Amino acid sequence: MTTDLTTTADVLVVGGGGPAGLATAITLARNGVDVFLVERHAGTSPFPKATGISVRTMELFRTWGIEDRVREGAMPVQPFTAISETLAGPRLAMVPFGYPTDDAVSSTCSRWVAGSGSAPGSPVSGSTPRA
């Protein structure tokens, strides 16, 4: 029995409707690829799923013309890990992730990563992203 591996798919499936999955699906669609995005949840979560948007994703947002809208909905974030004995216990220490400070970054780059506290389709983006 021989399998023909040269056939092409009509649609590319992208798994996950988080920032990376949405960026992938939108980029592919904007470049002419038929995309079917699958997400296990029926709607957006009221809880933050990401605390930041990567530099590369912000570059994509800039090319799509939505960077300013994303930044308008950004929340200030502190790239630190809190240490405590329990999740509800008092904070014993804060350990930095090792990211440069905003001042250090702004001396070399006019734009920086935006903090996020919401999923696309929520008030941060104002609407569901479209290709």
Protein backbone atom coordinates (compact mmCIF):
# COMPACT_ATOMS: atom_id res chain seq x y z
CA MET A 1 0.00 0.00 0.00
CA THR A 2 1.37 3.39 -1.02
CA THR A 3 0.34 6.75 0.43
CA ASP A 4 0.43 9.82 -1.80
CA LEU A 5 2.03 12.60 0.25
CA THR A 6 2.02 15.14 -2.59
CA THR A 7 -1.59 16.23 -2.21
CA THR A 8 -2.22 19.72 -0.90
CA ALA A 9 -4.70 20.85 1.69
CA ASP A 10 -7.30 23.47 0.91
CA VAL A 11 -7.22 24.85 4.45
CA LEU A 12 -4.49 25.15 7.07
CA VAL A 13 -5.65 24.47 10.64
CA VAL A 14 -4.18 26.64 13.42
CA GLY A 15 -4.70 25.38 16.96
CA GLY A 16 -5.36 27.91 19.69
CA GLY A 17 -6.95 31.34 19.72
CA GLY A 18 -4.40 32.97 22.00
CA PRO A 19 -2.05 35.75 20.88
CA ALA A 20 0.32 33.41 19.01
CA GLY A 21 -2.44 31.42 17.30
CA LEU A 22 -4.33 34.55 16.27
CA ALA A 23 -1.18 36.24 14.98
CA THR A 24 -0.33 33.12 13.00
CA ALA A 25 -3.83 32.77 11.55
CA ILE A 26 -4.12 36.45 10.63
CA THR A 27 -0.67 36.55 9.05
CA LEU A 28 -1.39 33.46 6.97
CA ALA A 29 -4.80 34.78 5.90
CA ARG A 30 -3.32 38.15 4.93
CA ASN A 31 -0.91 36.23 2.71
CA GLY A 32 -3.61 34.30 0.88
CA VAL A 33 -3.71 31.08 2.90
CA ASP A 34 -7.13 29.70 3.82
CA VAL A 35 -7.03 29.24 7.59
CA PHE A 36 -9.32 27.47 10.02
CA LEU A 37 -8.59 28.46 13.62
CA VAL A 38 -9.72 26.08 16.35
CA GLU A 39 -10.08 27.06 20.01
CA ARG A 40 -11.29 24.83 22.80
CA HIS A 41 -13.16 27.61 24.64
CA ALA A 42 -16.46 28.99 23.38
CA GLY A 43 -15.62 32.62 24.21
CA THR A 44 -13.05 34.91 25.71
CA SER A 45 -11.94 34.48 29.30
CA PRO A 46 -12.49 37.15 31.93
CA PHE A 47 -9.04 36.26 33.25
CA PRO A 48 -5.75 37.43 31.70
CA LYS A 49 -4.01 34.77 29.64
CA ALA A 50 -0.86 36.71 28.84
CA THR A 51 0.93 39.53 30.60
CA GLY A 52 2.78 40.81 27.60
CA ILE A 53 2.97 40.89 23.86
CA SER A 54 6.29 40.03 22.29
CA VAL A 55 8.31 42.49 20.26
CA ARG A 56 7.71 40.47 17.08
CA THR A 57 3.94 40.40 17.64
CA MET A 58 3.97 44.19 18.16
CA GLU A 59 5.84 44.50 14.86
CA LEU A 60 3.03 42.53 13.21
CA PHE A 61 0.41 44.71 14.89
CA ARG A 62 2.22 47.77 13.57
CA THR A 63 2.13 46.44 9.99
CA TRP A 64 -1.56 45.65 10.39
CA GLY A 65 -2.25 49.21 11.57
CA ILE A 66 -3.57 48.23 15.02
CA GLU A 67 -0.56 48.95 17.25
CA ASP A 68 -2.03 52.16 18.69
CA ARG A 69 -5.33 50.42 19.52
CA VAL A 70 -3.48 47.62 21.29
CA ARG A 71 -1.35 50.10 23.24
CA GLU A 72 -4.46 52.08 24.28
CA GLY A 73 -5.73 48.95 26.03
CA ALA A 74 -2.38 47.98 27.53
CA MET A 75 -2.01 47.62 31.24
CA PRO A 76 1.18 48.51 33.09
CA VAL A 77 3.07 45.35 33.96
CA GLN A 78 6.02 44.65 36.17
CA PRO A 79 8.19 41.81 34.86
CA PHE A 80 8.75 40.24 38.27
CA THR A 81 7.95 36.94 39.92
CA ALA A 82 6.37 37.20 43.36
CA ILE A 83 7.55 34.71 45.95
CA SER A 84 5.27 33.67 48.81
CA GLU A 85 4.64 30.55 50.87
CA THR A 86 1.13 30.11 49.44
CA LEU A 87 -0.83 31.70 46.60
CA ALA A 88 -2.78 33.78 49.10
CA GLY A 89 0.12 34.40 51.46
CA PRO A 90 2.05 37.63 51.88
CA ARG A 91 4.65 38.49 49.28
CA LEU A 92 8.09 37.60 50.62
CA ALA A 93 10.19 38.78 47.70
CA MET A 94 10.04 40.03 44.12
CA VAL A 95 12.51 38.59 41.61
CA PRO A 96 13.01 40.38 38.27
CA PHE A 97 12.69 38.38 35.05
CA GLY A 98 15.82 40.07 33.71
CA TYR A 99 14.12 42.37 31.21
CA PRO A 100 15.69 45.81 30.74
CA THR A 101 13.99 48.78 32.35
CA ASP A 102 11.69 51.01 30.28
CA ASP A 103 14.31 53.79 30.43
CA ALA A 104 17.04 51.48 29.13
CA VAL A 105 14.86 50.29 26.27
CA SER A 106 13.63 53.75 25.29
CA SER A 107 17.23 54.89 24.88
CA THR A 108 17.64 52.44 21.99
CA CYS A 109 14.10 51.81 20.71
CA SER A 110 11.19 54.19 20.19
CA ARG A 111 8.60 51.45 20.79
CA TRP A 112 8.42 48.77 23.45
CA VAL A 113 6.36 45.74 24.19
CA ALA A 114 2.84 46.55 25.34
CA GLY A 115 1.44 44.95 28.44
CA SER A 116 -1.74 42.99 27.95
CA GLY A 117 -4.38 41.81 30.31
CA SER A 118 -7.06 40.69 27.99
CA ALA A 119 -7.84 38.43 25.09
CA PRO A 120 -8.52 39.61 21.54
CA GLY A 121 -12.22 40.29 21.13
CA SER A 122 -12.26 41.97 24.53
CA PRO A 123 -12.08 45.71 25.28
CA VAL A 124 -8.31 45.74 24.55
CA SER A 125 -8.80 45.13 20.86
CA GLY A 126 -12.33 46.49 20.65
CA SER A 127 -13.40 43.84 18.18
CA THR A 128 -12.64 40.40 16.92
CA PRO A 129 -9.53 40.49 14.74
CA ARG A 130 -10.15 40.01 11.03
CA ALA A 131 -7.77 39.21 8.19
